[in-house]
Amino acid sequence: MNIIELQRALRQLRLGGIATVLETRLHQAQAEPMAPIDLISCLVADELTRRSERLLDRRRKQAAFRDPHKTLDNFDFTFNPKMNRSLAFDLATCAFIDKREDALFLGPGGAGKSHLAQAIGQAAIQQGYRVLYRETHVLLDDLAEAVADGTRKEFMESVATVPLLIIDDFGMRKLPLTAAEDLLEIIMRRYERASTLLTSNRLCGAPHKRFNAESTFMRTRHARGDRSGYFSVFSLRIIVVAFSSSSNLSVALKRPVRSFGAITDSNASSFTLGSARV
């Protein structure tokens, strides 16, 4: 069996990584002293590296980031000196995904919410998690298509089970009348089962004052006390504000939530990270 036949056989065995570098590694083995076990080790390492890279590429495509090159490395922290960098990197460790916690990013347009959300998504993929990124209107369009195709159940199952769902730019566009119920269903099906990261500017400025809160927060799922449903309740309040400008939502939650995340002040002048209480 010559090299070409061997490469063809390797590809049939789904060992394309080895097939690609086989000739190069054989030349290396001839050019420098290399024990057979070292040659095999190099080939196996090449195959594992190729599979890992292909898996990451596949998951990035499945995530469908709007800006696939947004990472923490190119996030401009100097834009807002008040931002808590250590907290941003804490989120990027993705420990909150293991704990099935949720994150809510609030702030004015151009503050970096989408960039930071996508950067956390990229970090999650690097650490082996599946991620789904959708702008709110795109998520609802996908759901409408699934309803038309008769695949709503399968679509909702896929959305409900992905380890990290990023719903970006909530409230930026006018949404259909059924959107509130659909979004709430998604949030409730995922609550304490998988992590959801939602970004919005709906609480900035005047609407923000309807909630006695300064918020973007990450709810600590296992915090002491009976705080079940706080993320869902808070998300519901955002949904109501978006769909009913006359809603009176000035009643704050009776208990504080031990949480951490991004805080936007009532003047909506900046998007910063720090501790938050509701």
Foldseek 3Di string as FASTA:
>chain_A
DDLVVVLVVCVVVVQNQLSVCVVVLVVVVVVDPDDPVRSVVVSVVSSVVVVLVVQLVVLLVQQPQPDQPQAPVPDPCVVPVQADVVVLVVLLVVPCLVQLWEWEFAFDPPQCLSSSLSNSVSSVSVVPFREHEDALQRLVVVLVVCVVVVNNVVSLVVLQQRQEYEHEAPLVDDDDPCSLVVVLVSCVSNRSPHYYYYYYHLLEAPVVQLEPWFDTWIFDPPDDDPPPCVVSVVVNSSSCCSVPVPDRRNDYDPAWTFTWFWTADRNSPHIHTGTIID
